[in-house]
Protein backbone atom coordinates (compact mmCIF):
# COMPACT_ATOMS: atom_id res chain seq x y z
CA MET A 1 113.66 90.32 76.27
CA LEU A 2 111.70 88.80 73.42
CA THR A 3 108.20 87.42 73.86
CA LEU A 4 106.87 84.61 71.71
CA ILE A 5 103.13 83.91 71.71
CA LYS A 6 103.11 80.36 70.47
CA GLY A 7 100.59 78.04 68.87
CA GLY A 8 97.39 80.06 69.13
CA ARG A 9 94.75 80.66 66.50
CA VAL A 10 95.51 84.22 65.45
CA ILE A 11 92.46 86.12 64.18
CA ASP A 12 92.84 89.66 62.87
CA PRO A 13 89.68 90.16 60.80
CA GLY A 14 90.40 90.73 57.14
CA ASN A 15 94.10 89.95 57.57
CA LEU A 16 94.87 86.77 59.50
CA ASP A 17 93.17 83.57 60.59
CA GLY A 18 95.28 80.54 61.38
CA ILE A 19 97.55 78.77 63.81
CA MET A 20 100.70 80.87 64.03
CA ASP A 21 103.24 82.49 66.33
CA ILE A 22 103.76 86.14 67.18
CA LEU A 23 107.21 87.47 68.07
CA ILE A 24 107.36 90.66 70.14
CA GLU A 25 110.34 92.88 70.94
CA ASP A 26 110.49 96.30 72.62
CA GLY A 27 106.71 96.46 72.85
CA LYS A 28 106.12 95.90 69.13
CA ILE A 29 105.25 92.98 66.91
CA VAL A 30 108.32 92.04 64.87
CA GLU A 31 107.11 88.86 63.25
CA VAL A 32 103.85 86.99 62.62
CA GLY A 33 103.90 83.67 60.89
CA GLY A 34 104.24 79.91 60.98
CA GLN A 35 105.10 78.09 64.16
CA ARG A 36 108.70 78.16 65.25
CA SER A 37 110.63 76.27 67.92
CA GLU A 38 113.34 78.83 68.64
CA VAL A 39 114.47 82.42 68.00
CA GLY A 40 117.92 82.31 66.47
CA GLY A 41 120.71 82.35 69.02
CA ARG A 42 118.63 84.26 71.58
CA LYS A 43 116.52 81.38 72.84
CA SER A 44 117.55 82.01 76.46
CA GLU A 45 116.16 85.57 76.22
CA VAL A 46 112.72 84.51 75.03
CA LYS A 47 109.63 84.43 77.22
CA VAL A 48 107.22 81.93 75.69
CA ILE A 49 103.46 82.29 76.13
CA ASP A 50 101.74 79.03 75.29
CA ALA A 51 98.51 79.87 73.42
CA LEU A 52 97.68 76.34 72.28
CA GLY A 53 93.91 75.99 72.04
CA LYS A 54 93.41 79.72 72.56
CA ILE A 55 92.29 82.58 70.32
CA VAL A 56 94.82 85.40 69.85
CA THR A 57 93.27 88.70 68.74
CA PRO A 58 94.11 92.38 68.41
CA GLY A 59 93.51 94.03 71.78
CA LEU A 60 89.84 94.63 72.53
CA ILE A 61 88.70 98.28 72.56
CA ASP A 62 85.74 99.57 74.56
CA MET A 63 84.49 102.77 72.94
CA HIS A 64 82.19 103.72 75.81
CA VAL A 65 83.10 103.66 79.50
CA HIS A 66 82.45 105.91 82.47
CA PHE A 67 85.39 106.12 84.85
CA ARG A 68 84.14 108.40 87.61
CA GLU A 69 87.40 110.28 88.10
CA PRO A 70 87.42 113.22 88.56
CA GLY A 71 84.43 113.73 90.83
CA HIS A 72 83.09 110.39 92.06
CA GLU A 73 86.16 108.34 92.82
CA TYR A 74 84.24 106.25 95.38
CA LYS A 75 82.44 104.62 92.42
CA GLU A 76 85.47 104.11 90.17
CA THR A 77 88.90 105.59 89.64
CA ILE A 78 90.87 105.61 86.43
CA GLU A 79 93.21 103.07 88.04
CA THR A 80 90.46 100.62 89.06
CA GLY A 81 88.62 101.12 85.79
CA CYS A 82 91.75 100.33 83.83
CA MET A 83 92.37 97.19 85.87
CA SER A 84 88.75 96.13 85.33
CA ALA A 85 89.28 96.64 81.60
CA ALA A 86 92.46 94.55 81.62
CA PHE A 87 90.68 91.68 83.38
CA GLY A 88 87.95 91.88 80.76
CA GLY A 89 90.45 91.56 77.91
CA PHE A 90 90.43 95.22 76.87
CA THR A 91 93.66 96.94 75.94
CA ALA A 92 92.05 100.34 75.37
CA VAL A 93 89.01 102.27 76.55
CA CYS A 94 87.33 105.56 75.66
CA THR A 95 86.25 107.50 78.74
CA MET A 96 83.08 109.58 78.48
CA PRO A 97 83.20 113.25 79.53
CA ASN A 98 80.42 113.38 82.15
CA THR A 99 82.81 113.60 85.08
CA ILE A 100 82.83 116.36 87.72
CA PRO A 101 84.09 118.68 86.35
CA ALA A 102 83.18 117.59 82.85
CA ASN A 103 85.93 116.91 80.35
CA ASP A 104 85.20 120.10 78.43
CA ASN A 105 88.67 121.67 78.62
CA THR A 106 92.30 120.69 78.14
CA GLN A 107 93.08 120.62 81.86
CA VAL A 108 90.62 117.78 82.48
CA THR A 109 91.74 115.89 79.37
CA GLU A 110 95.37 116.15 80.48
CA TYR A 111 94.44 115.10 84.03
CA ILE A 112 92.73 111.93 82.74
CA LEU A 113 95.75 111.05 80.61
CA LYS A 114 98.12 111.70 83.52
CA LYS A 115 96.15 109.38 85.80
CA ALA A 116 96.02 106.75 83.06
CA LYS A 117 99.79 106.92 82.67
CA LEU A 118 100.19 106.43 86.42
CA ALA A 119 97.82 103.44 86.31
CA ASP A 120 100.11 101.93 83.63
CA THR A 121 97.71 99.22 82.48
CA VAL A 122 95.44 99.81 79.47
CA ARG A 123 95.38 102.71 77.02
CA VAL A 124 92.90 105.47 77.81
CA TYR A 125 91.48 107.66 75.07
CA PRO A 126 89.45 110.55 76.53
CA VAL A 127 86.22 111.57 74.81
CA ALA A 128 85.71 115.30 75.30
CA ALA A 129 82.45 117.20 75.62
CA ILE A 130 80.53 118.65 72.70
CA SER A 131 79.34 121.58 74.82
CA PRO A 132 80.69 123.24 77.99
CA GLY A 133 79.35 121.43 81.04
CA LEU A 134 77.41 119.15 78.67
CA ASN A 135 74.69 121.80 78.78
CA GLY A 136 74.00 121.99 75.04
CA LYS A 137 74.35 125.76 74.95
CA GLY A 138 77.61 126.25 73.05
CA LEU A 139 80.62 124.47 71.62
CA CYS A 140 83.87 123.54 73.31
CA GLU A 141 87.29 124.28 71.79
CA TYR A 142 87.64 121.13 69.72
CA GLY A 143 91.07 121.91 68.30
CA GLU A 144 92.58 122.45 71.75
CA LEU A 145 90.89 119.32 73.09
CA LYS A 146 92.24 117.19 70.23
CA GLU A 147 95.72 118.58 70.77
CA ALA A 148 95.45 117.67 74.46
CA GLY A 149 94.55 114.09 73.56
CA ALA A 150 90.79 113.86 73.02
CA ILE A 151 89.86 111.19 70.47
CA ALA A 152 86.16 111.96 69.95
CA LEU A 153 83.36 114.24 71.15
CA SER A 154 80.15 113.51 73.05
CA ASP A 155 77.77 114.94 75.61
CA ASP A 156 76.98 111.37 76.67
CA GLY A 157 74.64 111.37 79.61
CA ASN A 158 72.87 114.30 78.01
CA PRO A 159 71.43 114.69 74.51
CA VAL A 160 72.20 117.75 72.42
CA ARG A 161 68.61 119.01 72.26
CA ASN A 162 69.25 121.98 69.97
CA SER A 163 69.40 120.75 66.36
CA ARG A 164 71.24 123.82 65.14
CA LEU A 165 73.93 123.35 67.77
CA MET A 166 74.26 119.67 66.86
CA ARG A 167 74.71 120.65 63.22
CA ARG A 168 77.45 123.13 64.14
CA ALA A 169 79.12 120.53 66.35
CA LEU A 170 79.25 118.02 63.49
CA GLU A 171 80.65 120.63 61.11
CA TYR A 172 83.23 121.86 63.62
CA ALA A 173 84.28 118.33 64.60
CA LYS A 174 84.65 117.34 60.95
CA GLY A 175 87.32 120.00 60.49
CA PHE A 176 89.44 118.32 63.16
CA GLY A 177 88.73 114.74 62.10
CA LEU A 178 86.92 113.98 65.36
CA PRO A 179 83.93 111.61 65.35
CA VAL A 180 80.86 112.74 67.27
CA ILE A 181 79.28 110.14 69.56
CA SER A 182 75.60 110.91 69.99
CA HIS A 183 73.49 110.21 73.06
CA CYS A 184 70.08 109.99 71.36
CA GLU A 185 67.31 110.84 73.78
CA ASP A 186 64.26 113.11 73.61
CA LEU A 187 63.94 114.23 77.23
CA ASP A 188 60.41 115.53 76.72
CA LEU A 189 59.28 112.05 75.71
CA VAL A 190 61.25 110.46 78.54
CA ALA A 191 59.60 112.75 81.12
CA SER A 192 59.48 110.85 84.43
CA GLY A 193 59.95 107.41 82.84
CA VAL A 194 62.20 104.88 84.55
CA MET A 195 61.81 101.74 82.38
CA ASN A 196 60.53 100.67 78.97
CA GLU A 197 56.99 101.75 78.16
CA GLY A 198 54.66 98.79 77.82
CA ALA A 199 52.64 96.17 79.62
CA VAL A 200 55.42 95.30 82.07
CA ALA A 201 55.74 98.92 83.21
CA THR A 202 51.98 99.13 83.64
CA GLN A 203 51.91 95.94 85.71
CA MET A 204 54.71 97.24 87.92
CA GLY A 205 53.23 100.70 88.35
CA LEU A 206 56.32 102.38 86.90
CA ALA A 207 56.40 105.27 84.43
CA GLY A 208 57.52 104.15 80.97
CA ILE A 209 59.89 105.47 78.31
CA PRO A 210 58.70 104.92 74.71
CA ASN A 211 61.00 103.66 71.98
CA ALA A 212 60.44 106.93 70.13
CA ALA A 213 62.38 108.78 72.84
CA GLU A 214 65.50 107.21 71.33
CA SER A 215 64.60 106.67 67.69
CA ILE A 216 63.38 110.23 67.00
CA MET A 217 66.79 111.59 67.97
CA VAL A 218 68.56 108.86 66.01
CA MET A 219 66.65 109.93 62.91
CA ARG A 220 67.39 113.60 63.55
CA ASP A 221 71.10 113.01 63.95
CA ILE A 222 71.21 110.84 60.84
CA ALA A 223 69.62 113.73 58.93
CA LEU A 224 72.23 116.12 60.32
CA CYS A 225 74.99 113.65 59.47
CA GLU A 226 73.72 113.54 55.90
CA LEU A 227 73.56 117.34 55.81
CA THR A 228 77.11 117.85 57.09
CA SER A 229 78.87 114.72 55.75
CA ALA A 230 80.52 114.46 59.17
CA SER A 231 81.30 111.24 61.06
CA LEU A 232 78.49 110.29 63.44
CA HIS A 233 78.48 107.38 65.87
CA ILE A 234 75.22 106.45 67.61
CA ALA A 235 75.71 105.27 71.20
CA HIS A 236 73.87 102.48 73.07
CA VAL A 237 71.27 101.51 70.46
CA SER A 238 68.35 99.70 72.11
CA THR A 239 65.27 99.86 69.85
CA ALA A 240 64.07 98.19 66.67
CA GLU A 241 63.22 101.59 65.17
CA SER A 242 66.76 102.85 65.73
CA VAL A 243 68.27 99.75 64.13
CA ARG A 244 66.00 100.17 61.11
CA ALA A 245 66.86 103.86 60.72
CA ILE A 246 70.61 103.16 60.91
CA ARG A 247 70.32 100.30 58.41
CA GLU A 248 68.49 102.51 55.92
CA ALA A 249 70.98 105.35 56.42
CA LYS A 250 73.90 103.04 55.67
CA LYS A 251 72.18 101.85 52.50
CA ARG A 252 72.05 105.50 51.41
CA GLY A 253 75.78 105.86 52.00
CA ILE A 254 75.56 108.11 55.06
CA SER A 255 78.70 107.97 57.25
CA VAL A 256 76.96 106.76 60.39
CA THR A 257 78.17 103.98 62.68
CA ALA A 258 76.51 102.52 65.76
CA GLU A 259 77.08 100.56 68.92
CA THR A 260 74.98 98.53 71.28
CA ALA A 261 75.77 97.13 74.73
CA PRO A 262 75.66 93.50 75.91
CA HIS A 263 72.67 94.14 78.16
CA TYR A 264 70.54 95.11 75.16
CA PHE A 265 71.12 91.77 73.42
CA SER A 266 71.13 89.69 76.63
CA LEU A 267 68.20 91.05 78.67
CA THR A 268 64.72 92.49 78.22
CA GLU A 269 62.26 94.48 80.32
CA GLU A 270 61.24 91.16 81.93
CA ALA A 271 64.45 91.39 84.00
CA VAL A 272 63.02 94.48 85.75
CA LYS A 273 60.07 92.59 87.25
CA GLU A 274 61.77 92.03 90.60
CA TYR A 275 62.53 95.77 90.92
CA ASN A 276 66.24 94.96 90.83
CA THR A 277 67.89 98.36 90.43
CA ASN A 278 70.81 96.67 88.65
CA THR A 279 68.41 96.34 85.71
CA LYS A 280 67.80 100.10 85.62
CA MET A 281 69.72 101.83 82.86
CA ASN A 282 69.40 104.49 80.19
CA PRO A 283 68.22 103.71 77.59
CA PRO A 284 66.14 101.13 79.45
CA LEU A 285 65.97 97.41 78.78
CA ARG A 286 63.45 97.02 75.99
CA SER A 287 61.06 94.35 74.70
CA GLU A 288 61.93 90.96 73.24
CA HIS A 289 61.05 92.40 69.82
CA ASP A 290 63.70 95.08 70.29
CA ARG A 291 66.26 92.58 71.56
CA LYS A 292 65.76 90.46 68.43
CA ALA A 293 66.12 93.58 66.26
CA VAL A 294 69.43 94.40 67.97
CA LEU A 295 70.60 90.83 67.36
CA GLU A 296 69.64 91.17 63.69
CA GLY A 297 71.50 94.48 63.54
CA LEU A 298 74.60 92.80 64.93
CA SER A 299 74.24 89.91 62.51
CA ASP A 300 73.83 91.97 59.34
CA GLY A 301 76.44 94.60 60.21
CA THR A 302 74.05 97.48 60.89
CA ILE A 303 75.52 97.71 64.39
CA ASP A 304 79.29 98.06 64.09
CA VAL A 305 80.43 97.92 67.70
CA ILE A 306 79.76 96.20 71.01
CA ALA A 307 80.59 98.66 73.81
CA THR A 308 79.87 98.26 77.50
CA ASP A 309 78.63 101.70 78.61
CA HIS A 310 80.42 100.70 81.84
CA ALA A 311 78.65 102.84 84.46
CA PRO A 312 79.81 102.19 88.04
CA HIS A 313 77.55 103.11 90.95
CA SER A 314 77.86 102.33 94.64
CA SER A 315 75.17 100.87 96.89
CA ILE A 316 74.32 104.46 97.88
CA GLU A 317 72.85 105.05 94.41
CA LYS A 318 71.48 101.55 93.81
CA GLU A 319 70.05 100.28 97.11
CA VAL A 320 67.06 102.62 96.98
CA GLU A 321 63.56 102.62 95.47
CA PHE A 322 63.59 101.77 91.76
CA ASP A 323 62.30 105.22 90.79
CA LEU A 324 65.15 106.91 92.65
CA ALA A 325 68.01 104.59 91.67
CA ALA A 326 70.78 105.78 89.36
CA ASN A 327 70.86 104.48 85.80
CA GLY A 328 73.62 102.19 84.65
CA ILE A 329 75.55 98.95 85.15
CA ILE A 330 79.18 97.92 84.98
CA GLY A 331 80.25 95.77 82.05
CA LEU A 332 83.98 95.58 81.42
CA GLU A 333 84.41 92.16 83.02
CA THR A 334 81.27 90.59 81.53
CA SER A 335 81.23 92.00 77.98
CA LEU A 336 83.42 89.43 76.22
CA PRO A 337 81.74 86.36 77.81
CA LEU A 338 78.32 87.74 76.85
CA GLY A 339 79.65 88.37 73.35
CA MET A 340 80.89 84.78 73.20
CA LYS A 341 77.28 83.68 73.75
CA LEU A 342 76.44 85.34 70.42
CA VAL A 343 79.07 83.13 68.78
CA GLU A 344 77.85 80.02 70.61
CA THR A 345 74.26 80.60 69.44
CA GLY A 346 75.27 81.39 65.86
CA ILE A 347 74.20 85.04 65.81
CA ILE A 348 77.64 86.17 64.66
CA SER A 349 80.93 84.42 63.94
CA LEU A 350 83.98 84.64 66.17
CA THR A 351 85.63 86.84 63.54
CA GLU A 352 82.64 89.18 63.55
CA LEU A 353 82.75 89.41 67.34
CA ILE A 354 86.40 90.45 67.18
CA LYS A 355 85.55 93.04 64.53
CA LYS A 356 82.86 94.54 66.74
CA MET A 357 85.05 94.57 69.86
CA SER A 358 88.39 95.53 68.30
CA THR A 359 88.77 96.20 64.58
CA ASN A 360 85.69 98.39 64.07
CA PRO A 361 86.28 100.58 67.15
CA ALA A 362 89.87 101.13 65.99
CA ARG A 363 88.67 102.09 62.51
CA ILE A 364 86.00 104.50 63.78
CA LEU A 365 88.47 106.16 66.15
CA GLY A 366 91.26 106.35 63.57
CA LEU A 367 93.63 104.05 65.46
CA ASP A 368 96.19 102.12 63.42
CA LEU A 369 96.26 98.89 65.40
CA GLY A 370 96.21 95.18 64.62
CA ILE A 371 98.38 92.10 64.55
CA LYS A 372 101.00 93.10 62.00
CA LYS A 373 104.71 93.80 61.86
CA GLY A 374 105.59 97.14 63.46
CA SER A 375 102.33 97.56 65.36
CA PRO A 376 102.18 97.96 69.14
CA ALA A 377 101.81 94.56 70.78
CA ASP A 378 98.27 95.17 72.07
CA ILE A 379 96.93 91.63 72.21
CA THR A 380 94.11 89.72 73.87
CA ILE A 381 94.22 85.95 74.35
CA ILE A 382 90.84 84.26 74.74
CA ASP A 383 90.09 80.77 76.03
CA PRO A 384 86.84 79.86 74.22
CA ASP A 385 86.31 76.68 76.24
CA ILE A 386 86.73 77.88 79.82
CA SER A 387 83.52 77.64 81.86
CA PHE A 388 82.93 79.84 84.89
CA LYS A 389 80.30 81.61 86.95
CA ILE A 390 80.24 85.41 87.05
CA ASP A 391 81.14 86.56 90.56
CA ALA A 392 80.69 90.29 91.07
CA ASP A 393 82.61 90.15 94.35
CA SER A 394 85.74 89.20 92.41
CA PHE A 395 85.56 92.19 90.04
CA GLN A 396 88.41 94.68 89.85
CA SER A 397 85.90 97.53 89.54
CA LEU A 398 85.07 99.39 92.75
CA SER A 399 81.37 98.90 92.00
CA ARG A 400 79.22 95.78 91.88
CA ASN A 401 76.14 96.96 89.98
CA THR A 402 75.64 94.13 87.50
CA PRO A 403 72.54 92.07 86.69
CA PHE A 404 74.74 89.21 85.48
CA ASP A 405 76.08 88.09 88.87
CA GLY A 406 75.81 84.30 89.12
CA TRP A 407 75.38 83.69 85.38
CA ASP A 408 77.11 80.59 83.98
CA MET A 409 79.41 81.57 81.10
CA LYS A 410 81.77 79.96 78.62
CA GLY A 411 84.75 81.79 77.11
CA LYS A 412 86.75 84.69 78.49
CA ALA A 413 90.01 86.58 78.20
CA VAL A 414 92.91 84.84 79.93
CA LEU A 415 95.71 87.26 79.02
CA THR A 416 95.80 90.95 78.14
CA MET A 417 98.95 92.55 76.74
CA VAL A 418 99.46 96.29 76.15
CA GLY A 419 102.57 97.44 74.32
CA GLY A 420 104.22 94.09 74.95
CA LYS A 421 103.53 94.27 78.71
CA VAL A 422 101.24 91.65 80.22
CA VAL A 423 98.70 93.56 82.33
CA TYR A 424 96.47 90.57 83.11
CA ASP A 425 97.32 86.86 83.07
CA GLN A 426 94.97 84.22 84.40
């Protein structure tokens, strides 16, 4: 069976932008070009997908998700997480290692890949731990983890507090061509903080977390990246100081990349005022000044990637006092629509959005993907004009912890294809 995606605007940043057709056979792209009405003498074998008025892009990639399997399957399983990703337009995700047990050995990496294969929806690329148990006291066996299928390294959820260990991790990872994804947080500065430090926290009687708790560690890891010439990726950037430090590092030619999440360019600490625990996350929602700095970082290319930091929690962890609630929100099914708002308001172009949600993640992770002859047919089709209201109860995720429930949105994924197989079709 051949598949013909017909009449859409195909955007593959740096390569393609125009109305054209894509012909797919045996899970791979065999032809990209001008519009065609038939496929030789095999017209009866062709499945036609009408993409008129739609945007056809390389499959979206989320570099930062937390699927709670193994350990907390009541929050999310690999199967439900993958389905949530497919509904959000993602063809691939990178799962963080802070599971129970942590992904710090080949058995856990292989287990994640086995469950992903059984789910048979989107591609799953496991991120393995920097240190055993994410405890920052030693290094995992990076070569074995890469051989088992790990695509990057991180202790996400925990910072690597020991600078010497972080240096060794960067050096060791460099030898295996594995990027290190850094969770930048000074826990001594965080102390008992639960939201952004400032006037709002004072008014609410909540302990605050200063911007420096993030930016100090960003600056340290940039210095270690410069020292080692390794590949460093800064996770969930939320502060103006972090954006400035990354911008200056890039100007100096340091091989650092960075991501932010939709909640950091869509919300501020003002959203916390009703003590809604779905606005509690780590790093916390910051000030309007920080939000504007993140937007500027997205606009000028300082921030390379939009990633969700998809963090499912059940009502058990969220329907409690704000101080006691777990950090994190889900984001796979809201990320693209929130990104489309950036395009609508002129912060970035549609091409830049696709770069930050597809092309750049693929480049950072060393994945050879895109809309070109011979590539796997990992494709997302977006309807930029569809209007809808976010309804958390309709999510594929097992969890519902989102602050965006009820928001009016415009633009979303309407079809997700992985290896030529349609895994979501609205």
